[in-house]
């Protein structure tokens, strides 16, 4: 056992932290893919060029916010409906990736070590955020 900032770190707490980080990374990955699918559909319907995947993810986010607002307006914003939106986005992403055969070329040009460095930075920042985020019960009475 080791004490860090007044908290004891045990093997159980490290396993729980690793599980939290892995589930958070999987959730971020799934949502990114879903937003990519919605963004590509929006670009296709608007007649815009494909562009880069980060912009497609941002366009997909705006599309999902719009759809969520419509569902809320119609009083249909239930977990099943929102899960359906995510699932449809994943199916759209798989369709576009299969259509373009570009699933292994998502990152564009660059060397392997540059991509590894960028990915490592993202994982460290995401892990820090997940590990030290306050529970909503502490600030949301």
Protein backbone atom coordinates (compact mmCIF):
# COMPACT_ATOMS: atom_id res chain seq x y z
CA UNK A 1 0.00 0.00 0.00
CA UNK A 2 1.15 3.47 -0.84
CA UNK A 3 -0.25 6.84 0.16
CA UNK A 4 -0.69 9.56 -2.45
CA UNK A 5 -2.29 12.89 -1.50
CA UNK A 6 -3.77 11.33 1.63
CA UNK A 7 -5.34 8.38 -0.22
CA UNK A 8 -4.12 4.82 0.01
CA UNK A 9 -3.48 3.12 -3.30
CA UNK A 10 -4.17 -0.59 -3.29
CA UNK A 11 -4.21 -3.19 -6.03
CA UNK A 12 -8.02 -3.07 -6.00
CA UNK A 13 -8.08 0.70 -6.51
CA UNK A 14 -5.58 0.43 -9.38
CA UNK A 15 -7.71 -2.24 -11.06
CA UNK A 16 -10.80 -0.07 -10.60
CA UNK A 17 -8.97 2.95 -12.04
CA UNK A 18 -7.76 0.91 -15.03
CA UNK A 19 -11.31 -0.35 -15.62
CA UNK A 20 -12.68 3.18 -15.44
CA UNK A 21 -10.07 4.46 -17.88
CA UNK A 22 -10.66 1.60 -20.32
CA UNK A 23 -14.44 1.96 -20.23
CA UNK A 24 -14.09 5.71 -20.66
CA UNK A 25 -11.78 5.27 -23.64
CA UNK A 26 -14.18 2.75 -25.19
CA UNK A 27 -17.10 5.14 -24.66
CA UNK A 28 -15.22 8.03 -26.22
CA UNK A 29 -14.24 5.82 -29.16
CA UNK A 30 -17.80 4.62 -29.75
CA UNK A 31 -19.22 8.12 -29.55
CA UNK A 32 -16.54 9.43 -31.91
CA UNK A 33 -17.46 6.76 -34.44
CA UNK A 34 -21.15 7.52 -34.05
CA UNK A 35 -20.60 11.26 -34.47
CA UNK A 36 -18.44 10.55 -37.52
CA UNK A 37 -21.30 8.61 -39.09
CA UNK A 38 -23.80 11.39 -38.48
CA UNK A 39 -21.33 13.99 -39.72
CA UNK A 40 -20.66 12.13 -42.94
CA UNK A 41 -24.41 11.73 -43.52
CA UNK A 42 -24.96 15.44 -42.93
CA UNK A 43 -22.13 16.33 -45.31
CA UNK A 44 -23.55 13.97 -47.93
CA UNK A 45 -27.08 15.38 -47.63
CA UNK A 46 -25.79 18.97 -47.74
CA UNK A 47 -23.65 18.24 -50.81
CA UNK A 48 -20.42 19.07 -49.01
CA UNK A 49 -17.10 17.30 -49.70
CA UNK A 50 -15.97 14.55 -47.33
CA UNK A 51 -13.23 16.59 -45.65
CA UNK A 52 -11.30 15.45 -42.59
CA UNK A 53 -12.66 13.18 -39.90
CA UNK A 54 -12.40 15.69 -37.00
CA UNK A 55 -14.61 18.13 -38.89
CA UNK A 56 -17.04 15.32 -39.69
CA UNK A 57 -17.18 14.45 -35.98
CA UNK A 58 -17.91 18.11 -35.12
CA UNK A 59 -20.64 18.28 -37.77
CA UNK A 60 -22.04 15.03 -36.38
CA UNK A 61 -22.09 16.52 -32.89
CA UNK A 62 -24.12 19.48 -34.11
CA UNK A 63 -26.47 17.09 -35.90
CA UNK A 64 -27.00 15.00 -32.76
CA UNK A 65 -27.61 18.11 -30.66
CA UNK A 66 -30.25 19.16 -33.20
CA UNK A 67 -31.85 15.69 -33.16
CA UNK A 68 -31.79 15.66 -29.36
CA UNK A 69 -33.57 19.02 -29.35
CA UNK A 70 -36.24 17.67 -31.69
CA UNK A 71 -36.69 14.58 -29.52
CA UNK A 72 -36.94 16.77 -26.43
CA UNK A 73 -39.49 19.03 -28.14
CA UNK A 74 -41.62 15.99 -29.01
CA UNK A 75 -41.10 14.58 -25.50
CA UNK A 76 -39.41 11.49 -26.93
CA UNK A 77 -35.94 11.98 -25.42
CA UNK A 78 -35.75 8.66 -23.59
CA UNK A 79 -32.64 6.51 -23.17
CA UNK A 80 -33.84 4.07 -25.82
CA UNK A 81 -34.29 6.85 -28.40
CA UNK A 82 -30.89 8.36 -27.60
CA UNK A 83 -29.28 4.93 -27.73
CA UNK A 84 -30.93 4.43 -31.10
CA UNK A 85 -29.36 7.63 -32.37
CA UNK A 86 -25.93 6.40 -31.28
CA UNK A 87 -26.54 2.99 -32.86
CA UNK A 88 -27.68 4.56 -36.14
CA UNK A 89 -24.53 6.69 -36.12
CA UNK A 90 -22.37 3.59 -35.67
CA UNK A 91 -24.13 1.88 -38.58
CA UNK A 92 -23.64 5.00 -40.72
CA UNK A 93 -19.95 5.14 -39.81
CA UNK A 94 -19.50 1.47 -40.74
CA UNK A 95 -21.30 2.11 -44.03
CA UNK A 96 -19.12 5.09 -44.96
CA UNK A 97 -15.91 3.33 -43.91
CA UNK A 98 -16.87 0.27 -45.94
CA UNK A 99 -17.85 2.41 -48.90
CA UNK A 100 -14.58 4.35 -48.94
CA UNK A 101 -12.32 1.56 -47.68
CA UNK A 102 -10.52 4.17 -45.64
CA UNK A 103 -10.80 2.77 -42.12
CA UNK A 104 -7.02 2.36 -41.91
CA UNK A 105 -6.32 5.82 -43.35
CA UNK A 106 -8.27 7.91 -40.85
CA UNK A 107 -5.26 9.81 -39.57
CA UNK A 108 -4.00 11.02 -42.93
CA UNK A 109 -0.33 11.51 -43.54
CA UNK A 110 2.28 11.39 -40.85
CA UNK A 111 4.86 9.15 -39.36
CA UNK A 112 4.09 6.48 -36.83
CA UNK A 113 5.88 8.15 -33.93
CA UNK A 114 4.00 11.43 -34.47
CA UNK A 115 0.68 9.59 -34.37
CA UNK A 116 1.79 7.61 -31.31
CA UNK A 117 2.77 10.84 -29.55
CA UNK A 118 -0.56 12.47 -30.36
CA UNK A 119 -2.50 9.39 -29.26
CA UNK A 120 -0.52 9.18 -26.03
CA UNK A 121 -1.22 12.85 -25.25
CA UNK A 122 -4.93 12.33 -25.85
CA UNK A 123 -5.01 9.23 -23.63
CA UNK A 124 -3.10 10.99 -20.82
CA UNK A 125 -5.42 14.01 -20.88
CA UNK A 126 -8.52 11.84 -21.08
CA UNK A 127 -7.26 9.62 -18.27
CA UNK A 128 -6.51 12.65 -16.09
CA UNK A 129 -9.99 14.03 -16.74
CA UNK A 130 -11.71 10.72 -15.98
CA UNK A 131 -9.64 10.01 -12.87
CA UNK A 132 -10.09 13.42 -11.23
CA UNK A 133 -13.60 14.37 -12.30
CA UNK A 134 -15.93 15.23 -9.46
CA UNK A 135 -18.99 13.10 -8.94
CA UNK A 136 -22.12 15.01 -10.02
CA UNK A 137 -23.64 14.50 -6.57
CA UNK A 138 -20.94 16.75 -5.10
CA UNK A 139 -21.84 19.82 -7.15
CA UNK A 140 -25.39 19.15 -8.35
CA UNK A 141 -27.78 19.32 -5.44
